C-alpha cells in the first residue's frame, strides 16, 4: 500500500463524544491493519490511558505504536518496548507550583497509574483521571511529592484571562528549558523542550524508515497541526478548529459521524488493489490465529482468484495420518474470506454464511496441499467461491463451495 502509517489523534478524532470507538470505525481500522498499515495513536493522554484504546484496536497484533504525552513517549504495542522518552527536570517543578499557587490554580502530573495533584476535588482533574483510567493522589505539597522526572505537568483553571496571562509569563520565563502551550481552554501544559506530536512522529518515522508520503495523519486540535502538515496526507475532522482545517489537505466528517472510518475507507481501503495486498505481512500477523496455527500461508491474491497452502502434519491430520476434513474446510474458508475482503467495497463487511465440501481423495502426512479459490458469483449481497484443494502432485483432494454474505456497515 501507499500508506504505511495511520496517525490518529484520540479525543475528538478517533473517539466519539461518548468516548467510544464506533463499530464502523473499529471495522475500518482492523481492516486497514490487516491490509498492512500500522496505527499510531498520537495523544496528550498518558501511555497508561492509551493502552485500553490500543488494545481495542488490536494494535499489539499488528505492530502499532502509542505516541503519548503529546510526544513525550513512543511505545511499541507489539514488543512492549519504550522506543523514545523525554522527561522534565524535577528541579523545575517548585517554580511551576509557586506560579500555580499564587493564582489558586490546580496543578497535576502523571506517574505510572496515578495522577498526582494538589486538588483532587477539581472537576477537570477528575475528568482527566477518568479519561486515562488512573487513580488520584492528592498532595498539598506538590513539588515534594514529585520525586521523579515527569513527562509533563498541567495547570488547570476556568479563569481564561488568568490562564492566558500565566501562559505568556511561563513562555517567556521557561524559554529554552521547557515548552508551554494551551491544550484546552482550561489547561496549560508544560513539557520538555521540542516535545510535540510532529517532532516525535518524525523520530518514529526515522526509526521505521518511513517517508512522509507514506503517512496519513488525522486530528482535530491545534496540537495536531504539526503532524497534519508533516504527513503526506493531512486530514482534519469536521469538528476541528478552523485553523486546523486550513492546514489540512482534506476535511472528513466529525468524530460523531465516523469521520475516521470515512477517511480511511476513501483514502486507503478504496484504493487498495489486489497487487497491493501484503501477503507476506498477513501470513506473519496471522501466526497466532487459526490460520497460523494450521500452518496456512497465502501465496497469491487477485480479484477473482486466491491461493494458499497448508501442510499435512500433526496439526491438520487425523490420527491415521490422513488430512483432516475439518482442516480442509478451514483452508477453504480462509481463501474465500480473503477473496471476498478484496472484492467488497469500503462500506461493506464480509461474514461467512455457508460452506459445503466434497472430499474425493486423501492427502497424507508429509505432503503440502494447495487451495485454489475462484469466484463464481459476485452479487450485491453474497459471494460464492469454489475452492479446490490439491496435493503437491496436483491430485484433487476436495472441492469446497463457500458462500460469504456481504453486509453494509452500521
Protein backbone atom coordinates (compact mmCIF):
# COMPACT_ATOMS: atom_id res chain seq x y z
CA UNK A 1 0.00 0.00 0.00
CA UNK A 2 1.00 3.61 -0.48
CA UNK A 3 0.37 4.45 3.18
CA UNK A 4 2.32 2.63 5.89
CA UNK A 5 1.40 4.69 8.97
CA UNK A 6 -2.04 5.95 10.00
CA UNK A 7 -1.57 8.52 12.78
CA UNK A 8 -4.68 9.27 14.83
CA UNK A 9 -5.41 11.80 17.50
CA UNK A 10 -7.71 10.19 20.07
CA UNK A 11 -10.12 12.56 21.83
CA UNK A 12 -12.27 14.42 19.32
CA UNK A 13 -10.94 12.31 16.46
CA UNK A 14 -10.84 8.54 16.94
CA UNK A 15 -13.35 8.55 19.80
CA UNK A 16 -16.84 9.99 19.51
CA UNK A 17 -18.19 12.40 22.10
CA UNK A 18 -19.24 9.44 24.27
CA UNK A 19 -15.55 8.38 24.30
CA UNK A 20 -16.27 5.23 22.29
CA UNK A 21 -14.84 3.69 19.12
CA UNK A 22 -17.90 3.07 16.96
CA UNK A 23 -18.35 -0.34 15.28
CA UNK A 24 -17.85 1.19 11.81
CA UNK A 25 -14.61 2.84 12.85
CA UNK A 26 -13.35 -0.32 14.54
CA UNK A 27 -14.15 -2.41 11.44
CA UNK A 28 -12.36 0.03 9.13
CA UNK A 29 -9.27 0.22 11.35
CA UNK A 30 -8.99 -3.54 11.79
CA UNK A 31 -9.28 -3.98 8.05
CA UNK A 32 -6.64 -1.38 7.22
CA UNK A 33 -4.25 -3.04 9.68
CA UNK A 34 -4.94 -6.42 8.08
CA UNK A 35 -4.03 -4.87 4.74
CA UNK A 36 -0.63 -3.73 6.02
CA UNK A 37 -0.89 -0.27 7.60
CA UNK A 38 0.25 0.43 11.17
CA UNK A 39 -1.72 2.67 13.52
CA UNK A 40 -0.08 5.33 15.69
CA UNK A 41 -2.20 6.80 18.49
CA UNK A 42 -0.88 10.35 18.99
CA UNK A 43 -2.44 11.94 22.05
CA UNK A 44 -1.91 14.11 25.07
CA UNK A 45 -3.13 11.19 27.18
CA UNK A 46 -0.73 9.16 29.26
CA UNK A 47 0.64 5.86 27.99
CA UNK A 48 -1.43 4.13 30.68
CA UNK A 49 -4.56 5.92 29.46
CA UNK A 50 -4.00 4.94 25.82
CA UNK A 51 -3.48 1.23 26.38
CA UNK A 52 -7.20 0.31 26.51
CA UNK A 53 -7.78 2.14 23.22
CA UNK A 54 -4.80 0.40 21.61
CA UNK A 55 -6.00 -2.98 22.90
CA UNK A 56 -9.47 -2.42 21.45
CA UNK A 57 -7.84 -1.83 18.05
CA UNK A 58 -5.69 -4.98 18.47
CA UNK A 59 -2.57 -2.91 17.83
CA UNK A 60 -0.44 -5.46 19.67
CA UNK A 61 -1.17 -7.96 16.87
CA UNK A 62 -0.49 -5.54 14.05
CA UNK A 63 2.60 -3.68 15.25
CA UNK A 64 1.04 -0.35 16.24
CA UNK A 65 2.53 2.42 18.36
CA UNK A 66 1.42 4.73 21.17
CA UNK A 67 2.73 8.29 20.98
CA UNK A 68 1.67 9.64 24.36
CA UNK A 69 2.02 12.84 26.44
CA UNK A 70 1.79 14.90 23.22
CA UNK A 71 5.08 13.37 22.12
CA UNK A 72 6.81 12.58 25.42
CA UNK A 73 6.93 8.83 24.79
CA UNK A 74 6.77 6.30 21.95
CA UNK A 75 5.69 2.81 22.97
CA UNK A 76 5.69 -0.26 20.69
CA UNK A 77 2.49 -2.19 21.42
CA UNK A 78 3.73 -5.40 19.82
CA UNK A 79 7.07 -5.71 21.59
CA UNK A 80 6.36 -3.74 24.75
CA UNK A 81 9.46 -1.64 24.07
CA UNK A 82 9.75 2.04 25.02
CA UNK A 83 11.33 3.49 21.86
CA UNK A 84 11.60 7.13 22.90
CA UNK A 85 11.17 9.20 26.03
CA UNK A 86 11.92 12.70 27.20
CA UNK A 87 11.11 13.96 30.70
CA UNK A 88 11.18 17.19 32.68
CA UNK A 89 13.80 18.10 35.26
CA UNK A 90 12.16 17.79 38.73
CA UNK A 91 14.07 20.93 39.78
CA UNK A 92 11.69 22.99 37.61
CA UNK A 93 8.61 21.79 39.48
CA UNK A 94 8.81 24.15 42.54
CA UNK A 95 8.75 27.26 40.31
CA UNK A 96 5.76 25.98 38.34
CA UNK A 97 3.97 25.10 41.59
CA UNK A 98 4.58 28.59 43.01
CA UNK A 99 3.07 30.16 39.92
CA UNK A 100 0.02 27.90 40.21
CA UNK A 101 -0.43 28.51 43.95
CA UNK A 102 -0.12 32.29 43.60
CA UNK A 103 -3.14 32.25 41.28
CA UNK A 104 -5.06 29.50 43.09
CA UNK A 105 -4.66 27.19 40.08
CA UNK A 106 -4.72 23.41 40.30
CA UNK A 107 -1.56 21.56 39.22
CA UNK A 108 -1.18 17.90 38.23
CA UNK A 109 1.21 15.39 36.74
CA UNK A 110 1.21 11.68 35.90
CA UNK A 111 3.13 8.80 37.44
CA UNK A 112 2.54 5.18 36.42
CA UNK A 113 -1.20 4.59 37.03
CA UNK A 114 -1.79 7.73 39.14
CA UNK A 115 -2.44 11.43 38.75
CA UNK A 116 -0.71 13.49 41.44
CA UNK A 117 -2.43 16.81 42.15
CA UNK A 118 -2.84 19.49 44.78
CA UNK A 119 -6.63 19.39 44.40
CA UNK A 120 -8.34 16.03 43.97
CA UNK A 121 -11.79 17.67 44.01
CA UNK A 122 -11.18 19.69 40.83
CA UNK A 123 -13.69 18.66 38.12
CA UNK A 124 -11.10 18.72 35.32
CA UNK A 125 -8.69 16.60 37.38
CA UNK A 126 -11.42 14.02 37.98
CA UNK A 127 -12.29 14.00 34.27
CA UNK A 128 -8.63 13.59 33.34
CA UNK A 129 -8.28 10.67 35.76
CA UNK A 130 -11.39 9.00 34.34
CA UNK A 131 -10.25 9.56 30.76
CA UNK A 132 -6.88 7.96 31.48
CA UNK A 133 -8.24 5.25 33.82
CA UNK A 134 -5.95 6.50 36.60
CA UNK A 135 -6.34 6.92 40.35
CA UNK A 136 -5.90 10.33 42.01
CA UNK A 137 -3.27 11.01 44.66
CA UNK A 138 -3.69 14.35 46.43
CA UNK A 139 -0.54 16.09 47.67
CA UNK A 140 -0.81 19.51 49.25
CA UNK A 141 2.97 19.93 48.85
CA UNK A 142 3.02 19.05 45.17
CA UNK A 143 6.73 19.60 44.47
CA UNK A 144 7.68 17.50 47.46
CA UNK A 145 5.54 14.62 46.16
CA UNK A 146 7.11 14.69 42.69
CA UNK A 147 10.21 12.61 43.44
CA UNK A 148 10.57 11.51 39.80
CA UNK A 149 11.08 13.14 36.40
CA UNK A 150 7.58 13.73 34.99
CA UNK A 151 6.65 13.58 31.31
CA UNK A 152 4.59 16.76 31.69
CA UNK A 153 2.75 18.99 34.14
CA UNK A 154 -0.66 20.59 33.72
CA UNK A 155 -2.02 23.80 35.20
CA UNK A 156 -5.80 23.93 35.49
CA UNK A 157 -8.21 26.86 35.77
CA UNK A 158 -11.58 28.01 34.42
CA UNK A 159 -10.37 31.64 34.53
CA UNK A 160 -9.50 32.07 30.85
CA UNK A 161 -7.98 35.52 31.29
CA UNK A 162 -5.73 34.49 34.18
CA UNK A 163 -4.71 31.35 32.30
CA UNK A 164 -3.71 33.39 29.24
CA UNK A 165 -1.71 35.78 31.43
CA UNK A 166 0.19 32.91 33.08
CA UNK A 167 0.78 31.23 29.71
CA UNK A 168 2.52 34.35 28.38
CA UNK A 169 4.64 34.63 31.53
CA UNK A 170 5.70 30.97 31.52
CA UNK A 171 6.58 31.04 27.83
CA UNK A 172 8.92 33.97 28.45
CA UNK A 173 10.37 32.62 31.71
CA UNK A 174 10.88 28.99 30.61
CA UNK A 175 12.03 29.55 27.04
CA UNK A 176 14.80 27.11 26.13
CA UNK A 177 14.25 24.88 29.15
CA UNK A 178 10.57 23.89 28.87
CA UNK A 179 7.80 24.32 26.30
CA UNK A 180 4.43 25.70 27.34
CA UNK A 181 1.15 25.66 25.42
CA UNK A 182 -2.60 25.67 25.92
CA UNK A 183 -4.20 22.33 25.01
CA UNK A 184 -7.73 23.10 26.26
CA UNK A 185 -9.49 26.29 27.37
CA UNK A 186 -8.80 25.21 30.98
CA UNK A 187 -5.35 23.51 30.56
CA UNK A 188 -1.81 24.82 30.29
CA UNK A 189 0.67 22.04 29.53
CA UNK A 190 4.33 22.24 30.48
CA UNK A 191 6.54 19.72 28.65
CA UNK A 192 10.23 19.13 27.91
CA UNK A 193 11.68 21.31 25.11
CA UNK A 194 10.96 20.34 21.49
CA UNK A 195 8.30 17.86 22.58
CA UNK A 196 5.26 17.83 20.34
CA UNK A 197 3.41 15.29 18.24
CA UNK A 198 5.11 16.27 14.98
CA UNK A 199 8.71 16.09 16.18
CA UNK A 200 8.18 12.80 17.99
CA UNK A 201 6.35 11.37 14.97
CA UNK A 202 9.46 12.32 12.99
CA UNK A 203 11.56 10.22 15.39
CA UNK A 204 9.28 7.23 14.81
CA UNK A 205 9.29 7.70 11.03
CA UNK A 206 13.08 7.80 11.02
CA UNK A 207 13.21 4.69 13.21
CA UNK A 208 10.89 2.83 10.82
CA UNK A 209 12.46 4.39 7.69
CA UNK A 210 9.05 5.61 6.53
CA UNK A 211 8.84 8.78 4.44
CA UNK A 212 6.15 11.44 4.86
CA UNK A 213 4.50 10.35 1.60
CA UNK A 214 3.58 7.05 3.31
CA UNK A 215 1.88 8.73 6.31
CA UNK A 216 -1.73 9.81 6.91
CA UNK A 217 -2.41 11.95 9.98
CA UNK A 218 -5.90 12.79 11.28
CA UNK A 219 -6.70 15.23 14.07
CA UNK A 220 -8.94 17.99 15.37
CA UNK A 221 -6.87 20.19 17.68
CA UNK A 222 -4.18 22.83 17.42
CA UNK A 223 -1.70 20.29 18.84
CA UNK A 224 -2.35 18.17 15.74
CA UNK A 225 -1.40 20.82 13.17
CA UNK A 226 2.30 19.90 13.04
CA UNK A 227 1.69 16.21 12.36
CA UNK A 228 -1.07 17.01 9.85
CA UNK A 229 1.33 19.25 7.92
CA UNK A 230 4.15 16.68 8.14
CA UNK A 231 2.08 13.81 6.74
CA UNK A 232 1.79 13.04 3.06
CA UNK A 233 -1.98 13.33 3.58
CA UNK A 234 -3.18 15.50 6.45
CA UNK A 235 -6.85 15.23 7.37
CA UNK A 236 -8.89 17.42 9.73
CA UNK A 237 -12.13 16.40 11.40
CA UNK A 238 -15.30 18.38 10.66
CA UNK A 239 -15.37 19.25 14.38
CA UNK A 240 -11.79 20.60 14.22
CA UNK A 241 -10.74 24.20 14.81
CA UNK A 242 -10.82 26.29 11.63
CA UNK A 243 -7.06 26.78 11.92
CA UNK A 244 -6.61 23.00 11.74
CA UNK A 245 -8.87 22.70 8.68
CA UNK A 246 -6.88 25.38 6.85
CA UNK A 247 -3.68 23.38 7.41
CA UNK A 248 -5.14 20.06 6.23
CA UNK A 249 -5.34 18.58 2.73
CA UNK A 250 -8.84 17.28 3.36
CA UNK A 251 -11.67 17.53 5.89
CA UNK A 252 -13.61 14.41 6.83
CA UNK A 253 -16.84 14.02 8.81
CA UNK A 254 -16.99 14.70 12.55
CA UNK A 255 -15.97 12.30 15.30
CA UNK A 256 -19.68 11.68 15.99
CA UNK A 257 -20.24 10.77 12.32
CA UNK A 258 -17.47 8.15 11.85
CA UNK A 259 -15.08 10.68 10.32
CA UNK A 260 -12.02 8.47 10.81
CA UNK A 261 -13.75 5.46 9.22
CA UNK A 262 -14.87 7.52 6.23
CA UNK A 263 -11.39 8.97 5.70
CA UNK A 264 -9.74 5.55 5.93
CA UNK A 265 -12.27 3.98 3.59
CA UNK A 266 -11.90 6.74 0.99
CA UNK A 267 -8.16 7.27 1.07
CA UNK A 268 -6.80 3.81 1.93
CA UNK A 269 -9.24 0.93 1.59
CA UNK A 270 -10.92 2.12 -1.64
CA UNK A 271 -7.53 2.49 -3.32
CA UNK A 272 -6.20 -0.97 -2.46
CA UNK A 273 -5.67 -3.20 -5.48
CA UNK A 274 -5.13 -6.97 -5.19
CA UNK A 275 -1.50 -6.45 -6.17
CA UNK A 276 -1.12 -4.25 -3.09
CA UNK A 277 -2.27 -6.92 -0.64
CA UNK A 278 0.81 -7.66 1.52
CA UNK A 279 0.53 -11.46 1.65
CA UNK A 280 3.81 -11.92 3.48
CA UNK A 281 2.79 -9.48 6.22
CA UNK A 282 -0.64 -11.08 6.51
CA UNK A 283 0.97 -14.50 6.91
CA UNK A 284 3.24 -13.19 9.65
CA UNK A 285 0.44 -11.43 11.51
CA UNK A 286 -1.83 -14.49 11.39
CA UNK A 287 0.70 -16.80 13.01
CA UNK A 288 -1.17 -16.79 16.35
CA UNK A 289 -4.66 -17.10 14.81
CA UNK A 290 -6.35 -20.27 13.50
CA UNK A 291 -4.76 -19.73 10.10
CA UNK A 292 -1.29 -19.59 11.61
CA UNK A 293 -1.91 -22.50 13.96
CA UNK A 294 -2.80 -24.70 10.99
CA UNK A 295 0.22 -23.53 9.01
CA UNK A 296 -1.87 -21.86 6.27
CA UNK A 297 0.06 -19.43 4.06
CA UNK A 298 -1.39 -17.15 1.37
CA UNK A 299 0.57 -17.43 -1.89
CA UNK A 300 -1.47 -15.47 -4.45
CA UNK A 301 -4.37 -13.00 -4.50
CA UNK A 302 -6.34 -11.28 -7.26
CA UNK A 303 -9.93 -10.11 -7.68
CA UNK A 304 -11.13 -13.47 -8.94
CA UNK A 305 -8.56 -15.95 -7.62
CA UNK A 306 -6.84 -16.61 -4.27
CA UNK A 307 -4.38 -19.38 -3.45
CA UNK A 308 -2.92 -20.73 -0.22
CA UNK A 309 -1.01 -23.74 1.06
CA UNK A 310 -1.30 -25.88 4.19
CA UNK A 311 0.97 -28.69 5.46
CA UNK A 312 -0.40 -32.12 6.31
CA UNK A 313 1.19 -32.63 9.72
CA UNK A 314 0.28 -33.21 13.37
CA UNK A 315 -1.86 -30.05 13.33
CA UNK A 316 -4.01 -30.92 10.31
CA UNK A 317 -4.06 -34.74 10.06
CA UNK A 318 -6.36 -37.37 11.51
CA UNK A 319 -4.87 -39.99 13.91
CA UNK A 320 -4.15 -42.29 10.96
CA UNK A 321 -2.03 -39.74 9.11
CA UNK A 322 -4.61 -38.53 6.58
CA UNK A 323 -5.59 -34.87 6.07
CA UNK A 324 -8.50 -33.92 8.33
CA UNK A 325 -11.63 -32.78 6.51
CA UNK A 326 -12.20 -30.01 9.07
CA UNK A 327 -8.75 -28.56 8.37
CA UNK A 328 -9.55 -28.64 4.65
CA UNK A 329 -12.74 -26.63 5.25
CA UNK A 330 -10.79 -24.12 7.37
CA UNK A 331 -8.32 -23.72 4.50
CA UNK A 332 -11.18 -23.14 2.04
CA UNK A 333 -12.84 -20.55 4.29
CA UNK A 334 -9.51 -18.75 4.73
CA UNK A 335 -9.03 -18.49 0.97
CA UNK A 336 -12.60 -17.39 0.23
CA UNK A 337 -12.55 -14.90 3.09
CA UNK A 338 -9.55 -13.04 1.71
CA UNK A 339 -11.04 -13.07 -1.77
CA UNK A 340 -14.30 -11.51 -0.59
CA UNK A 341 -12.44 -8.96 1.52
CA UNK A 342 -10.61 -7.81 -1.63
CA UNK A 343 -13.87 -7.60 -3.58
CA UNK A 344 -16.02 -5.79 -1.02
CA UNK A 345 -16.46 -2.02 -1.06
CA UNK A 346 -15.22 0.24 1.77
CA UNK A 347 -18.68 0.43 3.36
CA UNK A 348 -19.13 -3.36 3.36
CA UNK A 349 -18.05 -6.23 5.61
CA UNK A 350 -17.91 -9.95 4.87
CA UNK A 351 -19.42 -12.70 7.03
CA UNK A 352 -19.15 -16.42 6.26
CA UNK A 353 -22.64 -17.84 5.71
CA UNK A 354 -22.38 -21.39 4.34
CA UNK A 355 -19.75 -24.00 3.46
CA UNK A 356 -20.07 -27.46 1.95
CA UNK A 357 -17.31 -29.79 0.85
CA UNK A 358 -16.89 -32.92 -1.22
CA UNK A 359 -13.81 -34.91 -0.19
CA UNK A 360 -12.82 -37.09 -3.17
CA UNK A 361 -9.39 -38.41 -2.18
CA UNK A 362 -6.83 -38.22 0.59
CA UNK A 363 -3.60 -36.38 1.32
CA UNK A 364 -1.08 -37.99 3.63
CA UNK A 365 1.17 -36.65 6.36
CA UNK A 366 4.30 -35.04 4.96
CA UNK A 367 2.54 -33.53 1.95
CA UNK A 368 1.55 -29.89 1.47
CA UNK A 369 -1.85 -29.21 -0.06
CA UNK A 370 -2.69 -26.21 -2.25
CA UNK A 371 -6.07 -24.46 -2.26
CA UNK A 372 -7.23 -22.55 -5.35
CA UNK A 373 -10.28 -20.34 -4.82
CA UNK A 374 -12.18 -18.84 -7.75
CA UNK A 375 -15.18 -16.53 -7.59
CA UNK A 376 -18.24 -18.00 -9.33
CA UNK A 377 -20.84 -15.44 -8.18
CA UNK A 378 -20.25 -11.85 -7.15
CA UNK A 379 -23.60 -10.39 -6.09
CA UNK A 380 -24.65 -7.37 -4.09
CA UNK A 381 -25.50 -9.42 -1.01
CA UNK A 382 -23.33 -12.53 -1.39
CA UNK A 383 -20.20 -14.01 -2.92
CA UNK A 384 -19.90 -17.64 -3.89
CA UNK A 385 -16.45 -19.20 -4.14
CA UNK A 386 -15.35 -22.59 -5.41
CA UNK A 387 -12.21 -23.78 -3.65
CA UNK A 388 -10.37 -26.83 -5.00
CA UNK A 389 -7.71 -28.43 -2.81
CA UNK A 390 -4.86 -30.36 -4.48
CA UNK A 391 -1.92 -32.43 -3.28
CA UNK A 392 1.62 -31.48 -4.29
CA UNK A 393 1.21 -33.79 -7.31
CA UNK A 394 -2.00 -31.96 -8.37
CA UNK A 395 -4.36 -34.74 -7.30
CA UNK A 396 -7.74 -33.27 -6.35
CA UNK A 397 -8.44 -33.85 -2.66
CA UNK A 398 -11.57 -31.77 -2.05
CA UNK A 399 -13.91 -29.39 -3.84
CA UNK A 400 -15.50 -26.88 -1.46
CA UNK A 401 -18.28 -24.33 -2.00
CA UNK A 402 -18.13 -21.23 0.26
CA UNK A 403 -20.88 -18.60 0.45
CA UNK A 404 -20.00 -15.26 2.05
CA UNK A 405 -22.64 -12.71 3.00
CA UNK A 406 -21.96 -9.07 2.07
CA UNK A 407 -23.27 -6.70 4.74
CA UNK A 408 -23.38 -2.91 4.95
CA UNK A 409 -21.58 -1.38 7.91
CA UNK A 410 -23.85 0.10 10.54
